[in-house]
């Protein structure tokens, strides 16, 4: 069984359950992609049997934009979004007109704007909306310049920015830990748990059911808590 995943933490978590699945007669092969598009393209073309990298709002958006009907279930973990900076140690010191990067994909862009709002930097037209864009900012006291960049590119660009909102799966490989380095971190009750996605009808296949059960096993919970030390939070 082939499962597409981002390298951190998804592939790392999948590699942990290979022995559990082997006992169940399932040979798990992990196919790594570093972006958010290819895992879904591989699933759509049936190059893989499932993918594990995204959250429900992202997959709903993708389904709408690409005419797919992926079924997402079995939430595994939350990767807290956080605001990072190489130039300041406290958001109070963010200068007027600061350059702040957020992810460019619609789901994480809206999610990042909610985080900037929670941090007191902006106010949004829909204060709880999951589809806000930078055009929906109604108040911006520090006149921060919000720039949308591809999520994977933001850690590489942080030196040129005053602050950046970075997804944990890209922050960790860049040596940034949300709990230690984040100036402001998303709350744990976020609706953005990462979960398994499959093509419609495949969710009831025995091998997929075994995969879902293994991903929500006590072994995985222990691995997430001990290995990521709060940078990634179990969602089950």
C-alpha atoms as a PDB file:
ATOM      1  CA  UNK A   1       0.000   0.000   0.000  1.00  0.00           C
ATOM      2  CA  UNK A   2       1.429   3.377  -1.051  1.00  0.00           C
ATOM      3  CA  UNK A   3       0.753   6.510   0.998  1.00  0.00           C
ATOM      4  CA  UNK A   4       1.838  10.005  -0.077  1.00  0.00           C
ATOM      5  CA  UNK A   5       3.093  12.318   2.660  1.00  0.00           C
ATOM      6  CA  UNK A   6       5.171  15.384   3.456  1.00  0.00           C
ATOM      7  CA  UNK A   7       8.555  14.426   4.993  1.00  0.00           C
ATOM      8  CA  UNK A   8       7.975  16.037   8.439  1.00  0.00           C
ATOM      9  CA  UNK A   9       6.115  14.910  10.455  1.00  0.00           C
ATOM     10  CA  UNK A  10       3.847  12.810   8.219  1.00  0.00           C
ATOM     11  CA  UNK A  11       6.414  10.436   6.705  1.00  0.00           C
ATOM     12  CA  UNK A  12       8.134  10.136  10.088  1.00  0.00           C
ATOM     13  CA  UNK A  13       4.839   9.102  11.701  1.00  0.00           C
ATOM     14  CA  UNK A  14       4.053   6.657   8.880  1.00  0.00           C
ATOM     15  CA  UNK A  15       7.480   5.049   9.228  1.00  0.00           C
ATOM     16  CA  UNK A  16       6.693   4.448  12.909  1.00  0.00           C
ATOM     17  CA  UNK A  17       3.651   2.327  12.043  1.00  0.00           C
ATOM     18  CA  UNK A  18       5.287   0.114   9.412  1.00  0.00           C
ATOM     19  CA  UNK A  19       5.912  -2.683  11.988  1.00  0.00           C
ATOM     20  CA  UNK A  20       2.304  -2.451  13.277  1.00  0.00           C
ATOM     21  CA  UNK A  21       0.942  -2.789   9.740  1.00  0.00           C
ATOM     22  CA  UNK A  22       3.382  -5.553   8.803  1.00  0.00           C
ATOM     23  CA  UNK A  23       1.874  -7.628  11.640  1.00  0.00           C
ATOM     24  CA  UNK A  24      -1.529  -7.033   9.996  1.00  0.00           C
ATOM     25  CA  UNK A  25      -0.203  -8.183   6.616  1.00  0.00           C
ATOM     26  CA  UNK A  26       0.032  -4.678   5.132  1.00  0.00           C
ATOM     27  CA  UNK A  27       3.275  -3.622   3.409  1.00  0.00           C
ATOM     28  CA  UNK A  28       3.357   0.177   3.775  1.00  0.00           C
ATOM     29  CA  UNK A  29       5.377   2.212   1.275  1.00  0.00           C
ATOM     30  CA  UNK A  30       5.745   5.926   2.019  1.00  0.00           C
ATOM     31  CA  UNK A  31       6.003   8.253  -0.994  1.00  0.00           C
ATOM     32  CA  UNK A  32       7.369  11.670   0.019  1.00  0.00           C
ATOM     33  CA  UNK A  33       6.449  15.026  -1.535  1.00  0.00           C
ATOM     34  CA  UNK A  34       7.653  18.399  -0.243  1.00  0.00           C
ATOM     35  CA  UNK A  35       4.662  20.478  -1.384  1.00  0.00           C
ATOM     36  CA  UNK A  36       0.892  20.475  -0.809  1.00  0.00           C
ATOM     37  CA  UNK A  37      -0.226  19.825  -4.404  1.00  0.00           C
ATOM     38  CA  UNK A  38       1.583  16.655  -5.504  1.00  0.00           C
ATOM     39  CA  UNK A  39       0.240  14.362  -2.721  1.00  0.00           C
ATOM     40  CA  UNK A  40      -3.293  15.093  -3.958  1.00  0.00           C
ATOM     41  CA  UNK A  41      -2.381  14.757  -7.644  1.00  0.00           C
ATOM     42  CA  UNK A  42      -0.818  11.356  -6.899  1.00  0.00           C
ATOM     43  CA  UNK A  43      -3.981  10.292  -5.052  1.00  0.00           C
ATOM     44  CA  UNK A  44      -6.250  11.560  -7.822  1.00  0.00           C
ATOM     45  CA  UNK A  45      -4.295   9.590 -10.459  1.00  0.00           C
ATOM     46  CA  UNK A  46      -4.256   6.540  -8.140  1.00  0.00           C
ATOM     47  CA  UNK A  47      -0.439   6.416  -8.062  1.00  0.00           C
ATOM     48  CA  UNK A  48      -0.956   6.101  -4.295  1.00  0.00           C
ATOM     49  CA  UNK A  49      -3.729   4.507  -2.220  1.00  0.00           C
ATOM     50  CA  UNK A  50      -4.005   7.333   0.316  1.00  0.00           C
ATOM     51  CA  UNK A  51      -2.302  10.499   1.430  1.00  0.00           C
ATOM     52  CA  UNK A  52      -1.545  11.933   4.841  1.00  0.00           C
ATOM     53  CA  UNK A  53      -0.574  15.603   4.892  1.00  0.00           C
ATOM     54  CA  UNK A  54      -3.660  17.826   4.857  1.00  0.00           C
ATOM     55  CA  UNK A  55      -6.556  19.065   6.967  1.00  0.00           C
ATOM     56  CA  UNK A  56     -10.291  19.157   6.194  1.00  0.00           C
ATOM     57  CA  UNK A  57     -10.507  22.848   5.142  1.00  0.00           C
ATOM     58  CA  UNK A  58      -7.580  22.343   2.734  1.00  0.00           C
ATOM     59  CA  UNK A  59      -9.067  19.188   1.214  1.00  0.00           C
ATOM     60  CA  UNK A  60     -12.513  20.781   0.897  1.00  0.00           C
ATOM     61  CA  UNK A  61     -10.927  23.663  -1.029  1.00  0.00           C
ATOM     62  CA  UNK A  62      -8.918  21.271  -3.196  1.00  0.00           C
ATOM     63  CA  UNK A  63     -11.985  19.147  -3.977  1.00  0.00           C
ATOM     64  CA  UNK A  64     -13.906  22.277  -5.003  1.00  0.00           C
ATOM     65  CA  UNK A  65     -11.089  23.664  -7.183  1.00  0.00           C
ATOM     66  CA  UNK A  66     -10.021  20.403  -8.847  1.00  0.00           C
ATOM     67  CA  UNK A  67     -13.274  18.436  -9.105  1.00  0.00           C
ATOM     68  CA  UNK A  68     -11.992  15.673  -6.823  1.00  0.00           C
ATOM     69  CA  UNK A  69     -14.066  13.989  -4.119  1.00  0.00           C
ATOM     70  CA  UNK A  70     -11.444  12.874  -1.606  1.00  0.00           C
ATOM     71  CA  UNK A  71     -12.794  11.434   1.630  1.00  0.00           C
ATOM     72  CA  UNK A  72     -10.839  12.624   4.685  1.00  0.00           C
ATOM     73  CA  UNK A  73     -11.029  10.913   8.072  1.00  0.00           C
ATOM     74  CA  UNK A  74      -8.980   9.648  11.061  1.00  0.00           C
ATOM     75  CA  UNK A  75      -7.481  12.895  12.461  1.00  0.00           C
ATOM     76  CA  UNK A  76      -3.946  12.250  13.708  1.00  0.00           C
ATOM     77  CA  UNK A  77      -2.284  15.485  14.794  1.00  0.00           C
ATOM     78  CA  UNK A  78      -2.356  19.269  14.779  1.00  0.00           C
ATOM     79  CA  UNK A  79       0.651  21.235  13.537  1.00  0.00           C
ATOM     80  CA  UNK A  80       0.315  24.584  15.298  1.00  0.00           C
ATOM     81  CA  UNK A  81       0.818  27.555  13.023  1.00  0.00           C
ATOM     82  CA  UNK A  82       3.105  30.158  14.601  1.00  0.00           C
ATOM     83  CA  UNK A  83       4.559  33.604  13.983  1.00  0.00           C
ATOM     84  CA  UNK A  84       8.369  33.592  13.815  1.00  0.00           C
ATOM     85  CA  UNK A  85      10.991  36.304  13.412  1.00  0.00           C
ATOM     86  CA  UNK A  86      14.770  36.550  13.150  1.00  0.00           C
ATOM     87  CA  UNK A  87      14.627  40.295  13.886  1.00  0.00           C
ATOM     88  CA  UNK A  88      12.466  40.672  16.995  1.00  0.00           C
ATOM     89  CA  UNK A  89      11.886  38.667  20.174  1.00  0.00           C
ATOM     90  CA  UNK A  90       8.426  40.064  20.983  1.00  0.00           C
ATOM     91  CA  UNK A  91       5.525  41.033  18.710  1.00  0.00           C
ATOM     92  CA  UNK A  92       5.273  44.349  20.603  1.00  0.00           C
ATOM     93  CA  UNK A  93       8.532  45.289  18.853  1.00  0.00           C
ATOM     94  CA  UNK A  94       7.181  44.660  15.347  1.00  0.00           C
ATOM     95  CA  UNK A  95       7.855  47.933  13.479  1.00  0.00           C
ATOM     96  CA  UNK A  96       5.274  49.967  11.598  1.00  0.00           C
ATOM     97  CA  UNK A  97       5.111  48.841   7.977  1.00  0.00           C
ATOM     98  CA  UNK A  98       6.686  45.471   8.865  1.00  0.00           C
ATOM     99  CA  UNK A  99       6.939  42.880   6.104  1.00  0.00           C
ATOM    100  CA  UNK A 100       5.055  39.751   7.218  1.00  0.00           C
ATOM    101  CA  UNK A 101       4.766  36.618   5.061  1.00  0.00           C
ATOM    102  CA  UNK A 102       1.875  34.162   5.188  1.00  0.00           C
ATOM    103  CA  UNK A 103       1.267  30.971   3.138  1.00  0.00           C
ATOM    104  CA  UNK A 104      -0.284  31.577  -0.283  1.00  0.00           C
ATOM    105  CA  UNK A 105      -2.652  28.584  -0.519  1.00  0.00           C
ATOM    106  CA  UNK A 106      -6.214  29.711   0.352  1.00  0.00           C
ATOM    107  CA  UNK A 107      -6.666  27.459   3.395  1.00  0.00           C
ATOM    108  CA  UNK A 108      -3.418  28.337   5.153  1.00  0.00           C
ATOM    109  CA  UNK A 109      -3.636  31.981   4.094  1.00  0.00           C
ATOM    110  CA  UNK A 110      -7.010  32.281   5.860  1.00  0.00           C
ATOM    111  CA  UNK A 111      -5.642  30.324   8.806  1.00  0.00           C
ATOM    112  CA  UNK A 112      -2.612  32.651   9.047  1.00  0.00           C
ATOM    113  CA  UNK A 113      -4.839  35.731   8.958  1.00  0.00           C
ATOM    114  CA  UNK A 114      -6.851  34.337  11.894  1.00  0.00           C
ATOM    115  CA  UNK A 115      -3.559  33.893  13.755  1.00  0.00           C
ATOM    116  CA  UNK A 116      -2.495  37.493  12.999  1.00  0.00           C
ATOM    117  CA  UNK A 117      -5.916  38.597  14.276  1.00  0.00           C
ATOM    118  CA  UNK A 118      -5.536  36.530  17.477  1.00  0.00           C
ATOM    119  CA  UNK A 119      -2.129  38.164  17.963  1.00  0.00           C
ATOM    120  CA  UNK A 120      -3.779  41.599  17.787  1.00  0.00           C
ATOM    121  CA  UNK A 121      -2.064  42.657  14.561  1.00  0.00           C
ATOM    122  CA  UNK A 122      -5.132  42.855  12.286  1.00  0.00           C
ATOM    123  CA  UNK A 123      -8.933  42.703  12.364  1.00  0.00           C
ATOM    124  CA  UNK A 124     -10.840  40.680   9.763  1.00  0.00           C
ATOM    125  CA  UNK A 125     -14.215  41.279   8.119  1.00  0.00           C
ATOM    126  CA  UNK A 126     -15.302  37.789   9.240  1.00  0.00           C
ATOM    127  CA  UNK A 127     -13.508  37.302  12.591  1.00  0.00           C
ATOM    128  CA  UNK A 128     -13.976  33.506  12.587  1.00  0.00           C
ATOM    129  CA  UNK A 129     -14.063  32.816   8.847  1.00  0.00           C
ATOM    130  CA  UNK A 130     -11.985  30.079   7.230  1.00  0.00           C
ATOM    131  CA  UNK A 131     -11.985  31.796   3.811  1.00  0.00           C
ATOM    132  CA  UNK A 132     -10.612  35.273   4.606  1.00  0.00           C
ATOM    133  CA  UNK A 133      -8.018  36.757   2.236  1.00  0.00           C
ATOM    134  CA  UNK A 134      -5.690  39.736   2.799  1.00  0.00           C
ATOM    135  CA  UNK A 135      -8.412  41.881   1.155  1.00  0.00           C
ATOM    136  CA  UNK A 136     -10.644  41.109   4.176  1.00  0.00           C
ATOM    137  CA  UNK A 137      -8.363  42.940   6.633  1.00  0.00           C
ATOM    138  CA  UNK A 138     -10.471  45.817   8.009  1.00  0.00           C
ATOM    139  CA  UNK A 139      -8.008  47.158  10.574  1.00  0.00           C
ATOM    140  CA  UNK A 140      -4.200  47.074  10.487  1.00  0.00           C
ATOM    141  CA  UNK A 141      -2.877  49.464  13.172  1.00  0.00           C
ATOM    142  CA  UNK A 142       0.804  48.849  12.376  1.00  0.00           C
ATOM    143  CA  UNK A 143       0.247  48.937   8.604  1.00  0.00           C
ATOM    144  CA  UNK A 144       2.000  45.589   8.240  1.00  0.00           C
ATOM    145  CA  UNK A 145       2.681  44.562   4.654  1.00  0.00           C
ATOM    146  CA  UNK A 146       1.227  41.072   4.254  1.00  0.00           C
ATOM    147  CA  UNK A 147       2.976  39.069   1.539  1.00  0.00           C
ATOM    148  CA  UNK A 148       1.730  35.663   0.386  1.00  0.00           C
ATOM    149  CA  UNK A 149       4.484  33.136  -0.388  1.00  0.00           C
ATOM    150  CA  UNK A 150       4.384  29.407  -1.080  1.00  0.00           C
ATOM    151  CA  UNK A 151       4.408  27.745   2.366  1.00  0.00           C
ATOM    152  CA  UNK A 152       7.616  25.786   1.716  1.00  0.00           C
ATOM    153  CA  UNK A 153       9.456  28.959   0.687  1.00  0.00           C
ATOM    154  CA  UNK A 154       8.716  31.011   3.814  1.00  0.00           C
ATOM    155  CA  UNK A 155      11.402  29.525   6.136  1.00  0.00           C
ATOM    156  CA  UNK A 156      14.023  30.204   3.440  1.00  0.00           C
ATOM    157  CA  UNK A 157      12.859  33.834   3.184  1.00  0.00           C
ATOM    158  CA  UNK A 158      12.597  34.624   6.899  1.00  0.00           C
ATOM    159  CA  UNK A 159      15.871  36.606   7.002  1.00  0.00           C
ATOM    160  CA  UNK A 160      14.351  39.107   4.526  1.00  0.00           C
ATOM    161  CA  UNK A 161      11.151  39.527   6.551  1.00  0.00           C
ATOM    162  CA  UNK A 162      10.221  41.186   9.824  1.00  0.00           C
ATOM    163  CA  UNK A 163       7.999  38.221  10.727  1.00  0.00           C
ATOM    164  CA  UNK A 164       6.527  35.138   9.095  1.00  0.00           C
ATOM    165  CA  UNK A 165       3.657  32.742   9.692  1.00  0.00           C
ATOM    166  CA  UNK A 166       5.006  29.231   9.118  1.00  0.00           C
ATOM    167  CA  UNK A 167       3.337  25.806   9.142  1.00  0.00           C
ATOM    168  CA  UNK A 168       4.976  23.448  11.639  1.00  0.00           C
ATOM    169  CA  UNK A 169       5.800  20.857   8.966  1.00  0.00           C
ATOM    170  CA  UNK A 170       8.057  23.457   7.303  1.00  0.00           C
ATOM    171  CA  UNK A 171       9.203  25.153  10.521  1.00  0.00           C
ATOM    172  CA  UNK A 172      10.619  21.980  12.108  1.00  0.00           C
ATOM    173  CA  UNK A 173      13.033  21.064   9.252  1.00  0.00           C
ATOM    174  CA  UNK A 174      14.217  24.711   9.337  1.00  0.00           C
ATOM    175  CA  UNK A 175      15.126  24.334  13.025  1.00  0.00           C
ATOM    176  CA  UNK A 176      12.120  26.316  14.277  1.00  0.00           C
ATOM    177  CA  UNK A 177       9.916  24.893  17.020  1.00  0.00           C
ATOM    178  CA  UNK A 178       6.544  26.598  17.577  1.00  0.00           C
ATOM    179  CA  UNK A 179       6.597  26.095  21.349  1.00  0.00           C
ATOM    180  CA  UNK A 180      10.181  27.384  21.744  1.00  0.00           C
ATOM    181  CA  UNK A 181      10.637  29.859  18.889  1.00  0.00           C
ATOM    182  CA  UNK A 182       7.114  31.000  18.044  1.00  0.00           C
ATOM    183  CA  UNK A 183       6.291  34.574  19.053  1.00  0.00           C
ATOM    184  CA  UNK A 184       2.593  33.648  18.910  1.00  0.00           C
ATOM    185  CA  UNK A 185       1.211  30.132  18.510  1.00  0.00           C
ATOM    186  CA  UNK A 186      -2.144  28.794  17.312  1.00  0.00           C
ATOM    187  CA  UNK A 187      -4.375  27.335  20.018  1.00  0.00           C
ATOM    188  CA  UNK A 188      -4.677  23.533  20.297  1.00  0.00           C
ATOM    189  CA  UNK A 189      -8.437  23.575  19.579  1.00  0.00           C
ATOM    190  CA  UNK A 190      -7.729  24.452  15.937  1.00  0.00           C
ATOM    191  CA  UNK A 191     -10.020  22.883  13.270  1.00  0.00           C
ATOM    192  CA  UNK A 192      -6.919  22.050  11.231  1.00  0.00           C
ATOM    193  CA  UNK A 193      -6.074  18.489  12.332  1.00  0.00           C
ATOM    194  CA  UNK A 194      -4.044  16.563   9.744  1.00  0.00           C
ATOM    195  CA  UNK A 195      -5.750  13.388   8.623  1.00  0.00           C
ATOM    196  CA  UNK A 196      -5.924  10.601   6.092  1.00  0.00           C
ATOM    197  CA  UNK A 197      -7.446  11.156   2.634  1.00  0.00           C
ATOM    198  CA  UNK A 198      -8.532   8.534   0.094  1.00  0.00           C
ATOM    199  CA  UNK A 199     -10.534   8.324  -3.115  1.00  0.00           C
ATOM    200  CA  UNK A 200     -14.296   7.877  -2.518  1.00  0.00           C
ATOM    201  CA  UNK A 201     -15.220   4.283  -1.738  1.00  0.00           C
ATOM    202  CA  UNK A 202     -11.719   3.357  -0.565  1.00  0.00           C
ATOM    203  CA  UNK A 203     -12.309   4.405   3.054  1.00  0.00           C
ATOM    204  CA  UNK A 204     -13.868   1.006   3.831  1.00  0.00           C
ATOM    205  CA  UNK A 205     -11.096  -1.118   2.314  1.00  0.00           C
ATOM    206  CA  UNK A 206      -9.561  -3.386   4.996  1.00  0.00           C
ATOM    207  CA  UNK A 207      -5.991  -2.136   4.395  1.00  0.00           C
ATOM    208  CA  UNK A 208      -7.110   1.519   4.674  1.00  0.00           C
ATOM    209  CA  UNK A 209      -9.030   0.739   7.875  1.00  0.00           C
ATOM    210  CA  UNK A 210      -5.895  -0.890   9.313  1.00  0.00           C
ATOM    211  CA  UNK A 211      -3.868   2.188   8.320  1.00  0.00           C
ATOM    212  CA  UNK A 212      -6.345   4.522  10.043  1.00  0.00           C
ATOM    213  CA  UNK A 213      -6.351   2.390  13.195  1.00  0.00           C
ATOM    214  CA  UNK A 214      -2.534   2.314  13.298  1.00  0.00           C
ATOM    215  CA  UNK A 215      -2.315   6.103  12.846  1.00  0.00           C
ATOM    216  CA  UNK A 216      -4.598   6.572  15.861  1.00  0.00           C
ATOM    217  CA  UNK A 217      -2.808   3.986  18.004  1.00  0.00           C
ATOM    218  CA  UNK A 218      -1.291   4.568  21.463  1.00  0.00           C
ATOM    219  CA  UNK A 219       2.141   3.991  19.867  1.00  0.00           C
ATOM    220  CA  UNK A 220       1.664   6.966  17.537  1.00  0.00           C
ATOM    221  CA  UNK A 221       0.343   9.174  20.339  1.00  0.00           C
ATOM    222  CA  UNK A 222       3.424   8.355  22.429  1.00  0.00           C
ATOM    223  CA  UNK A 223       5.772   8.974  19.474  1.00  0.00           C
ATOM    224  CA  UNK A 224       4.215  12.385  18.728  1.00  0.00           C
ATOM    225  CA  UNK A 225       4.359  13.497  22.364  1.00  0.00           C
ATOM    226  CA  UNK A 226       7.916  12.279  22.999  1.00  0.00           C
ATOM    227  CA  UNK A 227       9.511  13.090  19.642  1.00  0.00           C
ATOM    228  CA  UNK A 228       7.991  16.500  18.861  1.00  0.00           C
ATOM    229  CA  UNK A 229       7.671  17.763  22.458  1.00  0.00           C
ATOM    230  CA  UNK A 230       4.635  19.989  21.864  1.00  0.00           C
ATOM    231  CA  UNK A 231       5.614  21.175  18.381  1.00  0.00           C
ATOM    232  CA  UNK A 232       3.066  18.664  17.051  1.00  0.00           C
ATOM    233  CA  UNK A 233      -0.029  17.782  19.116  1.00  0.00           C
ATOM    234  CA  UNK A 234      -2.001  14.485  18.942  1.00  0.00           C
ATOM    235  CA  UNK A 235      -5.587  15.016  17.736  1.00  0.00           C
ATOM    236  CA  UNK A 236      -7.062  11.751  19.046  1.00  0.00           C
END
